[in-house]
C-alpha atoms as a PDB file:
ATOM      1  CA  MET A   1     -18.930  53.814   1.399  1.00  0.00           C
ATOM      2  CA  THR A   2     -17.031  53.638   5.190  1.00  0.00           C
ATOM      3  CA  ASP A   3     -16.174  49.808   4.243  1.00  0.00           C
ATOM      4  CA  GLU A   4     -14.685  51.428   0.996  1.00  0.00           C
ATOM      5  CA  ILE A   5     -12.067  53.611   2.726  1.00  0.00           C
ATOM      6  CA  ASP A   6     -11.556  51.271   5.460  1.00  0.00           C
ATOM      7  CA  ARG A   7     -10.611  48.463   2.772  1.00  0.00           C
ATOM      8  CA  LYS A   8      -8.483  51.173   1.040  1.00  0.00           C
ATOM      9  CA  ILE A   9      -6.616  52.229   4.969  1.00  0.00           C
ATOM     10  CA  ILE A  10      -6.522  48.947   6.115  1.00  0.00           C
ATOM     11  CA  GLU A  11      -4.491  47.608   2.423  1.00  0.00           C
ATOM     12  CA  LYS A  12      -2.249  50.012   2.637  1.00  0.00           C
ATOM     13  CA  GLU A  13      -1.032  49.314   6.408  1.00  0.00           C
ATOM     14  CA  LEU A  14      -1.004  45.561   5.636  1.00  0.00           C
ATOM     15  CA  THR A  15       2.524  46.406   3.829  1.00  0.00           C
ATOM     16  CA  ASN A  16       3.985  47.590   6.891  1.00  0.00           C
ATOM     17  CA  TYR A  17       3.786  43.583   8.319  1.00  0.00           C
ATOM     18  CA  TYR A  18       6.366  41.331   6.746  1.00  0.00           C
ATOM     19  CA  PHE A  19       4.811  38.566   7.999  1.00  0.00           C
ATOM     20  CA  LEU A  20       1.164  38.836   6.571  1.00  0.00           C
ATOM     21  CA  ASN A  21       0.870  37.601   3.259  1.00  0.00           C
ATOM     22  CA  ASN A  22      -2.068  39.847   0.624  1.00  0.00           C
ATOM     23  CA  ILE A  23      -5.720  38.901   1.560  1.00  0.00           C
ATOM     24  CA  ASN A  24      -8.699  40.027  -0.004  1.00  0.00           C
ATOM     25  CA  LEU A  25     -10.737  41.776   2.539  1.00  0.00           C
ATOM     26  CA  ASN A  26     -13.577  42.285   0.322  1.00  0.00           C
ATOM     27  CA  ASP A  27     -13.952  38.258  -0.085  1.00  0.00           C
ATOM     28  CA  SER A  28     -13.267  37.179   3.490  1.00  0.00           C
ATOM     29  CA  LYS A  29     -15.666  39.709   4.756  1.00  0.00           C
ATOM     30  CA  SER A  30     -18.364  38.148   1.993  1.00  0.00           C
ATOM     31  CA  THR A  31     -17.059  34.621   3.454  1.00  0.00           C
ATOM     32  CA  PHE A  32     -17.516  35.260   6.819  1.00  0.00           C
ATOM     33  CA  ILE A  33     -20.557  36.992   7.062  1.00  0.00           C
ATOM     34  CA  ASN A  34     -22.907  34.579   4.623  1.00  0.00           C
ATOM     35  CA  SER A  35     -21.207  31.465   6.096  1.00  0.00           C
ATOM     36  CA  LYS A  36     -23.746  29.057   8.136  1.00  0.00           C
ATOM     37  CA  PRO A  37     -25.395  28.296  10.677  1.00  0.00           C
ATOM     38  CA  PHE A  38     -22.433  30.180  11.997  1.00  0.00           C
ATOM     39  CA  LYS A  39     -20.352  32.773  10.529  1.00  0.00           C
ATOM     40  CA  HIS A  40     -16.676  31.192  10.332  1.00  0.00           C
ATOM     41  CA  ILE A  41     -14.245  31.513   7.594  1.00  0.00           C
ATOM     42  CA  PHE A  42     -10.873  29.146   7.045  1.00  0.00           C
ATOM     43  CA  LEU A  43      -8.159  31.553   5.758  1.00  0.00           C
ATOM     44  CA  GLU A  44      -4.963  29.260   3.874  1.00  0.00           C
ATOM     45  CA  ASN A  45      -1.481  30.982   3.850  1.00  0.00           C
ATOM     46  CA  LEU A  46      -2.551  34.537   5.540  1.00  0.00           C
ATOM     47  CA  TRP A  47       1.088  34.298   6.933  1.00  0.00           C
ATOM     48  CA  ASN A  48       4.721  34.668   5.389  1.00  0.00           C
ATOM     49  CA  ASP A  49       5.732  30.868   5.254  1.00  0.00           C
ATOM     50  CA  LEU A  50       8.980  31.720   7.037  1.00  0.00           C
ATOM     51  CA  PHE A  51       7.805  33.258   9.962  1.00  0.00           C
ATOM     52  CA  LEU A  52       5.225  31.073  10.552  1.00  0.00           C
ATOM     53  CA  THR A  53       7.452  28.555  10.493  1.00  0.00           C
ATOM     54  CA  GLN A  54       9.951  30.306  13.025  1.00  0.00           C
ATOM     55  CA  VAL A  55       7.167  30.653  15.021  1.00  0.00           C
ATOM     56  CA  SER A  56       6.225  26.251  14.767  1.00  0.00           C
ATOM     57  CA  ASP A  57       9.662  25.598  15.178  1.00  0.00           C
ATOM     58  CA  GLU A  58       9.867  27.548  18.628  1.00  0.00           C
ATOM     59  CA  VAL A  59       6.463  25.458  19.825  1.00  0.00           C
ATOM     60  CA  ALA A  60       7.508  22.339  18.591  1.00  0.00           C
ATOM     61  CA  ASN A  61      10.689  22.306  20.212  1.00  0.00           C
ATOM     62  CA  PHE A  62       8.963  24.617  23.514  1.00  0.00           C
ATOM     63  CA  ASN A  63       9.337  22.641  27.434  1.00  0.00           C
ATOM     64  CA  ASP A  64       8.007  25.459  29.518  1.00  0.00           C
ATOM     65  CA  TRP A  65       4.798  24.490  29.510  1.00  0.00           C
ATOM     66  CA  GLU A  66       2.386  26.578  32.368  1.00  0.00           C
ATOM     67  CA  GLY A  67      -0.025  22.790  32.511  1.00  0.00           C
ATOM     68  CA  GLU A  68      -0.812  20.055  30.907  1.00  0.00           C
ATOM     69  CA  LYS A  69      -4.886  19.426  30.778  1.00  0.00           C
ATOM     70  CA  LYS A  70      -6.162  15.977  31.911  1.00  0.00           C
ATOM     71  CA  PHE A  71      -9.508  16.075  32.560  1.00  0.00           C
ATOM     72  CA  PHE A  72     -13.129  14.847  30.799  1.00  0.00           C
ATOM     73  CA  GLY A  73     -13.230  17.189  29.099  1.00  0.00           C
ATOM     74  CA  SER A  74      -9.766  17.886  27.362  1.00  0.00           C
ATOM     75  CA  GLN A  75      -6.482  15.078  28.124  1.00  0.00           C
ATOM     76  CA  TYR A  76      -2.460  15.691  26.772  1.00  0.00           C
ATOM     77  CA  LYS A  77      -3.428  19.715  26.130  1.00  0.00           C
ATOM     78  CA  ARG A  78      -0.491  21.424  27.348  1.00  0.00           C
ATOM     79  CA  TYR A  79      -0.509  25.295  27.762  1.00  0.00           C
ATOM     80  CA  GLN A  80       1.217  28.342  27.704  1.00  0.00           C
ATOM     81  CA  SER A  81      -0.352  31.909  28.703  1.00  0.00           C
ATOM     82  CA  LYS A  82       2.871  33.623  30.314  1.00  0.00           C
ATOM     83  CA  TRP A  83       3.627  36.278  28.038  1.00  0.00           C
ATOM     84  CA  GLU A  84       6.899  35.747  29.648  1.00  0.00           C
ATOM     85  CA  LYS A  85       7.395  32.292  28.823  1.00  0.00           C
ATOM     86  CA  LEU A  86       6.366  33.032  25.288  1.00  0.00           C
ATOM     87  CA  PRO A  87       9.998  32.496  22.668  1.00  0.00           C
ATOM     88  CA  PRO A  88      10.799  35.328  20.711  1.00  0.00           C
ATOM     89  CA  GLN A  89       8.850  34.925  16.736  1.00  0.00           C
ATOM     90  CA  THR A  90       5.925  33.563  18.869  1.00  0.00           C
ATOM     91  CA  TYR A  91       5.147  36.451  21.496  1.00  0.00           C
ATOM     92  CA  LYS A  92       5.983  38.919  18.482  1.00  0.00           C
ATOM     93  CA  LEU A  93       2.788  36.688  17.031  1.00  0.00           C
ATOM     94  CA  ILE A  94       0.594  37.263  19.851  1.00  0.00           C
ATOM     95  CA  ASN A  95       1.334  40.541  20.110  1.00  0.00           C
ATOM     96  CA  PHE A  96       0.802  41.488  16.484  1.00  0.00           C
ATOM     97  CA  LEU A  97      -2.682  39.518  17.479  1.00  0.00           C
ATOM     98  CA  ASN A  98      -3.267  41.568  20.008  1.00  0.00           C
ATOM     99  CA  SER A  99      -2.771  44.616  18.452  1.00  0.00           C
ATOM    100  CA  PRO A 100      -4.630  47.828  17.229  1.00  0.00           C
ATOM    101  CA  PHE A 101      -4.358  46.880  13.120  1.00  0.00           C
ATOM    102  CA  PHE A 102      -4.647  43.747  14.127  1.00  0.00           C
ATOM    103  CA  LEU A 103      -8.362  44.434  15.581  1.00  0.00           C
ATOM    104  CA  LYS A 104      -8.551  47.032  12.867  1.00  0.00           C
ATOM    105  CA  MET A 105      -8.534  44.001  10.599  1.00  0.00           C
ATOM    106  CA  LEU A 106     -10.239  41.654  11.865  1.00  0.00           C
ATOM    107  CA  SER A 107     -12.935  43.725  12.868  1.00  0.00           C
ATOM    108  CA  PHE A 108     -13.283  44.310   8.709  1.00  0.00           C
ATOM    109  CA  ILE A 109     -13.428  41.107   7.861  1.00  0.00           C
ATOM    110  CA  THR A 110     -15.969  39.216  10.355  1.00  0.00           C
ATOM    111  CA  ASN A 111     -18.435  42.766  10.578  1.00  0.00           C
ATOM    112  CA  GLU A 112     -18.219  42.806  14.284  1.00  0.00           C
ATOM    113  CA  LYS A 113     -17.449  46.635  15.865  1.00  0.00           C
ATOM    114  CA  HIS A 114     -15.452  47.757  18.768  1.00  0.00           C
ATOM    115  CA  LEU A 115     -13.346  44.593  18.807  1.00  0.00           C
ATOM    116  CA  ILE A 116     -11.169  44.463  22.393  1.00  0.00           C
ATOM    117  CA  PRO A 117      -8.242  42.269  23.259  1.00  0.00           C
ATOM    118  CA  ASP A 118      -7.379  40.066  26.527  1.00  0.00           C
ATOM    119  CA  PRO A 119      -3.876  40.982  27.543  1.00  0.00           C
ATOM    120  CA  TYR A 120      -4.436  38.017  30.220  1.00  0.00           C
ATOM    121  CA  LEU A 121      -4.670  35.696  27.031  1.00  0.00           C
ATOM    122  CA  THR A 122      -7.370  33.942  29.245  1.00  0.00           C
ATOM    123  CA  GLY A 123      -7.385  30.237  27.914  1.00  0.00           C
ATOM    124  CA  GLY A 124      -5.354  31.566  24.806  1.00  0.00           C
ATOM    125  CA  GLY A 125      -1.700  31.545  23.708  1.00  0.00           C
ATOM    126  CA  ILE A 126       0.540  28.736  22.652  1.00  0.00           C
ATOM    127  CA  HIS A 127      -2.123  25.291  22.873  1.00  0.00           C
ATOM    128  CA  SER A 128       0.148  21.812  22.008  1.00  0.00           C
ATOM    129  CA  THR A 129      -1.457  18.440  22.435  1.00  0.00           C
ATOM    130  CA  LYS A 130       0.166  14.963  22.546  1.00  0.00           C
ATOM    131  CA  GLU A 131      -0.781  11.612  21.302  1.00  0.00           C
ATOM    132  CA  ASN A 132      -3.677  10.699  22.626  1.00  0.00           C
ATOM    133  CA  GLY A 133      -4.696  14.042  23.205  1.00  0.00           C
ATOM    134  CA  PHE A 134      -8.488  16.064  23.140  1.00  0.00           C
ATOM    135  CA  LEU A 135     -10.448  18.104  23.150  1.00  0.00           C
ATOM    136  CA  LYS A 136     -13.966  17.729  23.249  1.00  0.00           C
ATOM    137  CA  LEU A 137     -16.742  19.536  21.570  1.00  0.00           C
ATOM    138  CA  HIS A 138     -17.379  22.774  23.725  1.00  0.00           C
ATOM    139  CA  ALA A 139     -19.283  26.121  23.996  1.00  0.00           C
ATOM    140  CA  ASP A 140     -16.595  28.792  25.014  1.00  0.00           C
ATOM    141  CA  PHE A 141     -16.630  30.517  28.387  1.00  0.00           C
ATOM    142  CA  ASN A 142     -18.468  34.038  27.435  1.00  0.00           C
ATOM    143  CA  TRP A 143     -17.957  36.231  30.141  1.00  0.00           C
ATOM    144  CA  HIS A 144     -14.258  37.498  31.059  1.00  0.00           C
ATOM    145  CA  LYS A 145     -14.247  38.580  34.681  1.00  0.00           C
ATOM    146  CA  GLU A 146     -11.300  39.627  34.853  1.00  0.00           C
ATOM    147  CA  MET A 147     -12.208  42.824  32.450  1.00  0.00           C
ATOM    148  CA  GLU A 148     -15.713  42.361  32.328  1.00  0.00           C
ATOM    149  CA  VAL A 149     -16.031  41.732  28.994  1.00  0.00           C
ATOM    150  CA  TYR A 150     -18.594  39.261  26.663  1.00  0.00           C
ATOM    151  CA  ARG A 151     -16.452  37.133  24.370  1.00  0.00           C
ATOM    152  CA  ARG A 152     -17.234  36.869  20.582  1.00  0.00           C
ATOM    153  CA  ILE A 153     -14.289  36.342  18.038  1.00  0.00           C
ATOM    154  CA  ASN A 154     -12.058  33.021  18.287  1.00  0.00           C
ATOM    155  CA  VAL A 155      -8.694  33.385  16.219  1.00  0.00           C
ATOM    156  CA  LEU A 156      -6.931  29.743  15.729  1.00  0.00           C
ATOM    157  CA  ILE A 157      -3.559  29.550  13.883  1.00  0.00           C
ATOM    158  CA  TYR A 158      -2.230  25.881  13.230  1.00  0.00           C
ATOM    159  CA  LEU A 159       1.406  25.469  12.806  1.00  0.00           C
ATOM    160  CA  ASN A 160       1.707  21.199  11.923  1.00  0.00           C
ATOM    161  CA  LYS A 161       3.585  20.667   8.702  1.00  0.00           C
ATOM    162  CA  ASN A 162       2.927  17.864   6.377  1.00  0.00           C
ATOM    163  CA  TRP A 163      -0.386  16.749   8.957  1.00  0.00           C
ATOM    164  CA  ASN A 164      -2.361  14.524   7.157  1.00  0.00           C
ATOM    165  CA  LYS A 165      -5.833  12.964   7.781  1.00  0.00           C
ATOM    166  CA  ASP A 166      -4.551   9.505  10.201  1.00  0.00           C
ATOM    167  CA  PHE A 167      -3.286  11.867  12.268  1.00  0.00           C
ATOM    168  CA  GLY A 168      -5.983  13.374  13.336  1.00  0.00           C
ATOM    169  CA  GLY A 169      -6.958  16.088  15.115  1.00  0.00           C
ATOM    170  CA  GLN A 170      -9.464  17.686  13.183  1.00  0.00           C
ATOM    171  CA  ILE A 171     -10.954  20.772  14.007  1.00  0.00           C
ATOM    172  CA  GLU A 172     -14.360  20.288  14.250  1.00  0.00           C
ATOM    173  CA  LEU A 173     -17.289  22.808  14.503  1.00  0.00           C
ATOM    174  CA  GLY A 174     -21.106  21.876  15.110  1.00  0.00           C
ATOM    175  CA  ILE A 175     -24.301  23.492  16.030  1.00  0.00           C
ATOM    176  CA  LYS A 176     -27.386  22.087  17.737  1.00  0.00           C
ATOM    177  CA  LYS A 177     -30.289  22.440  15.096  1.00  0.00           C
ATOM    178  CA  ASN A 178     -34.291  23.733  16.146  1.00  0.00           C
ATOM    179  CA  ASN A 179     -35.409  20.695  16.116  1.00  0.00           C
ATOM    180  CA  GLY A 180     -33.001  19.584  19.014  1.00  0.00           C
ATOM    181  CA  SER A 181     -30.414  17.267  16.934  1.00  0.00           C
ATOM    182  CA  PHE A 182     -26.920  17.912  16.753  1.00  0.00           C
ATOM    183  CA  GLU A 183     -24.843  17.845  13.176  1.00  0.00           C
ATOM    184  CA  ILE A 184     -20.930  18.598  12.470  1.00  0.00           C
ATOM    185  CA  PHE A 185     -20.987  20.902   9.852  1.00  0.00           C
ATOM    186  CA  LYS A 186     -17.249  21.338   9.367  1.00  0.00           C
ATOM    187  CA  SER A 187     -14.385  19.057  10.062  1.00  0.00           C
ATOM    188  CA  ALA A 188     -10.568  20.500   8.803  1.00  0.00           C
ATOM    189  CA  LEU A 189      -7.530  19.068   9.613  1.00  0.00           C
ATOM    190  CA  PRO A 190      -4.766  21.007  11.545  1.00  0.00           C
ATOM    191  CA  ILE A 191      -2.537  22.067   8.590  1.00  0.00           C
ATOM    192  CA  PHE A 192       0.246  24.411   8.796  1.00  0.00           C
ATOM    193  CA  ASN A 193      -0.160  28.132   7.641  1.00  0.00           C
ATOM    194  CA  ARG A 194      -4.481  27.808   7.907  1.00  0.00           C
ATOM    195  CA  THR A 195      -6.180  30.079  10.642  1.00  0.00           C
ATOM    196  CA  LEU A 196      -9.672  29.820  12.111  1.00  0.00           C
ATOM    197  CA  ILE A 197     -11.496  32.885  12.465  1.00  0.00           C
ATOM    198  CA  PHE A 198     -15.455  31.840  14.249  1.00  0.00           C
ATOM    199  CA  ILE A 199     -17.817  33.878  16.285  1.00  0.00           C
ATOM    200  CA  THR A 200     -18.313  32.792  19.495  1.00  0.00           C
ATOM    201  CA  ASP A 201     -21.536  32.155  21.421  1.00  0.00           C
ATOM    202  CA  ASP A 202     -23.911  29.370  23.615  1.00  0.00           C
ATOM    203  CA  HIS A 203     -24.504  27.768  19.765  1.00  0.00           C
ATOM    204  CA  SER A 204     -21.129  27.882  18.343  1.00  0.00           C
ATOM    205  CA  PHE A 205     -20.020  24.291  19.325  1.00  0.00           C
ATOM    206  CA  HIS A 206     -16.259  23.384  18.180  1.00  0.00           C
ATOM    207  CA  GLY A 207     -13.431  21.157  19.527  1.00  0.00           C
ATOM    208  CA  GLN A 208     -10.771  18.828  18.734  1.00  0.00           C
ATOM    209  CA  PRO A 209     -13.153  15.479  19.759  1.00  0.00           C
ATOM    210  CA  ASN A 210     -10.537  13.398  17.191  1.00  0.00           C
ATOM    211  CA  PRO A 211      -7.202  12.929  19.273  1.00  0.00           C
ATOM    212  CA  VAL A 212      -3.989  12.757  17.750  1.00  0.00           C
ATOM    213  CA  LYS A 213      -2.550   9.272  16.470  1.00  0.00           C
ATOM    214  CA  ASN A 214       0.090   7.530  14.931  1.00  0.00           C
ATOM    215  CA  THR A 215       2.402  10.793  15.283  1.00  0.00           C
ATOM    216  CA  ASN A 216       5.480   9.766  15.848  1.00  0.00           C
ATOM    217  CA  ASN A 217       5.279  11.585  18.728  1.00  0.00           C
ATOM    218  CA  ARG A 218       4.676  14.924  16.896  1.00  0.00           C
ATOM    219  CA  SER A 219       2.263  17.581  19.144  1.00  0.00           C
ATOM    220  CA  ARG A 220      -1.135  19.622  17.285  1.00  0.00           C
ATOM    221  CA  ASP A 221       0.524  22.656  17.887  1.00  0.00           C
ATOM    222  CA  SER A 222      -1.655  25.866  17.301  1.00  0.00           C
ATOM    223  CA  ILE A 223      -1.757  30.087  18.225  1.00  0.00           C
ATOM    224  CA  ALA A 224      -5.512  31.243  19.826  1.00  0.00           C
ATOM    225  CA  THR A 225      -5.908  34.439  20.500  1.00  0.00           C
ATOM    226  CA  TYR A 226     -10.195  35.840  21.493  1.00  0.00           C
ATOM    227  CA  TYR A 227     -11.393  38.609  21.342  1.00  0.00           C
ATOM    228  CA  TYR A 228     -14.254  40.765  23.301  1.00  0.00           C
ATOM    229  CA  GLN A 229     -17.164  43.765  23.340  1.00  0.00           C
ATOM    230  CA  SER A 230     -18.362  45.357  25.821  1.00  0.00           C
ATOM    231  CA  LYS A 231     -21.640  44.523  25.070  1.00  0.00           C
ATOM    232  CA  LYS A 232     -23.228  41.580  25.242  1.00  0.00           C
ATOM    233  CA  PRO A 233     -23.847  40.186  21.743  1.00  0.00           C
ATOM    234  CA  LYS A 234     -26.895  38.236  19.539  1.00  0.00           C
ATOM    235  CA  ASN A 235     -27.091  34.705  20.911  1.00  0.00           C
ATOM    236  CA  SER A 236     -24.909  34.723  24.358  1.00  0.00           C
ATOM    237  CA  SER A 237     -26.895  33.971  27.126  1.00  0.00           C
ATOM    238  CA  ASN A 238     -28.278  36.463  30.129  1.00  0.00           C
ATOM    239  CA  GLU A 239     -26.261  34.374  32.656  1.00  0.00           C
ATOM    240  CA  LYS A 240     -22.275  35.177  32.647  1.00  0.00           C
ATOM    241  CA  ARG A 241     -20.149  31.955  31.938  1.00  0.00           C
ATOM    242  CA  THR A 242     -16.615  31.502  33.232  1.00  0.00           C
ATOM    243  CA  GLY A 243     -16.320  27.897  32.745  1.00  0.00           C
ATOM    244  CA  THR A 244     -16.925  25.881  29.362  1.00  0.00           C
ATOM    245  CA  ASN A 245     -20.070  23.943  28.471  1.00  0.00           C
ATOM    246  CA  TYR A 246     -18.882  20.566  26.702  1.00  0.00           C
ATOM    247  CA  ILE A 247     -20.881  18.256  24.879  1.00  0.00           C
ATOM    248  CA  ASN A 248     -20.824  14.906  23.698  1.00  0.00           C
ATOM    249  CA  LYS A 249     -21.148  13.963  19.702  1.00  0.00           C
ATOM    250  CA  PHE A 250     -24.106  13.484  20.030  1.00  0.00           C
ATOM    251  CA  GLY A 251     -25.150  17.128  21.598  1.00  0.00           C
ATOM    252  CA  LYS A 252     -26.308  15.988  24.708  1.00  0.00           C
ATOM    253  CA  THR A 253     -24.090  17.833  27.786  1.00  0.00           C
ATOM    254  CA  GLU A 254     -21.234  15.943  29.109  1.00  0.00           C
ATOM    255  CA  LYS A 255     -20.048  16.647  32.993  1.00  0.00           C
ATOM    256  CA  GLY A 256     -17.662  13.794  33.858  1.00  0.00           C
ATOM    257  CA  LYS A 257     -17.375  11.690  36.661  1.00  0.00           C
ATOM    258  CA  LEU A 258     -17.996  13.781  39.780  1.00  0.00           C
ATOM    259  CA  LYS A 259     -14.340  14.201  41.255  1.00  0.00           C
ATOM    260  CA  ASP A 260     -13.641  15.209  37.873  1.00  0.00           C
ATOM    261  CA  ARG A 261     -16.349  18.550  37.889  1.00  0.00           C
ATOM    262  CA  ILE A 262     -15.054  18.997  41.554  1.00  0.00           C
ATOM    263  CA  LYS A 263     -11.510  19.813  40.286  1.00  0.00           C
ATOM    264  CA  LEU A 264     -12.173  21.815  37.158  1.00  0.00           C
ATOM    265  CA  LYS A 265     -14.643  24.052  39.563  1.00  0.00           C
ATOM    266  CA  ILE A 266     -12.258  24.311  42.256  1.00  0.00           C
ATOM    267  CA  LYS A 267      -9.468  25.341  39.638  1.00  0.00           C
ATOM    268  CA  ASN A 268     -12.250  27.509  37.745  1.00  0.00           C
ATOM    269  CA  TRP A 269     -12.678  29.014  40.798  1.00  0.00           C
ATOM    270  CA  VAL A 270      -9.161  29.468  41.906  1.00  0.00           C
ATOM    271  CA  LYS A 271      -8.204  30.488  38.319  1.00  0.00           C
ATOM    272  CA  PHE A 272     -10.948  33.668  38.569  1.00  0.00           C
END
């Protein structure tokens, strides 16, 4: 009965946000909870096209990047997580993704309670991957040192109009099986107005190992926000990891060259 009351409240509040399209909450919840091998959902056209087009145009023309990843785990991936640097419509979207209402809706769909947004946007914000850029398959850090909370949910919103398979850059989801083998069970293009929500733990491997290519200098753009819980979730190790666990297409851990590992370790140490 509580779910039904929550659903009605959320649906009523939805009408207050012009940039959100209607969503079948019960169907979305069922799809997410029953998805395997780990919980996830791709939501198509969740956002008002005009609003998200404005965000897409802002990101495509954005130049004030916080940094660009250039190491064994990722190449040519630019990012910006500073609130004061975000362009106006992008700021509005990310601010909404951290709002009480969106947390309420996200909690309903995922059935994950007591979700906490990240005001630091650690690892999130705007992501933009250039030609030949990639992000190897990985399991995310599970511990937010600044807030002392456990990572639980990822939300990724793709901004790329007219993106086809020849451009590469697919988002891939994979998992290690009990027999030790590794399987990519989902591969999807990062097309405009596609939103991916998924559980993140020590077993939810994901990434963009297929490089961006043949785009005539277009970038693969997305918005990323992450959500946390104060209690340790299931399937998260007792080790509080602030670093990312990268693997290759066979599910084997990748560490890169020694000099790259040292640079990454220093970078993570300085960051936290």
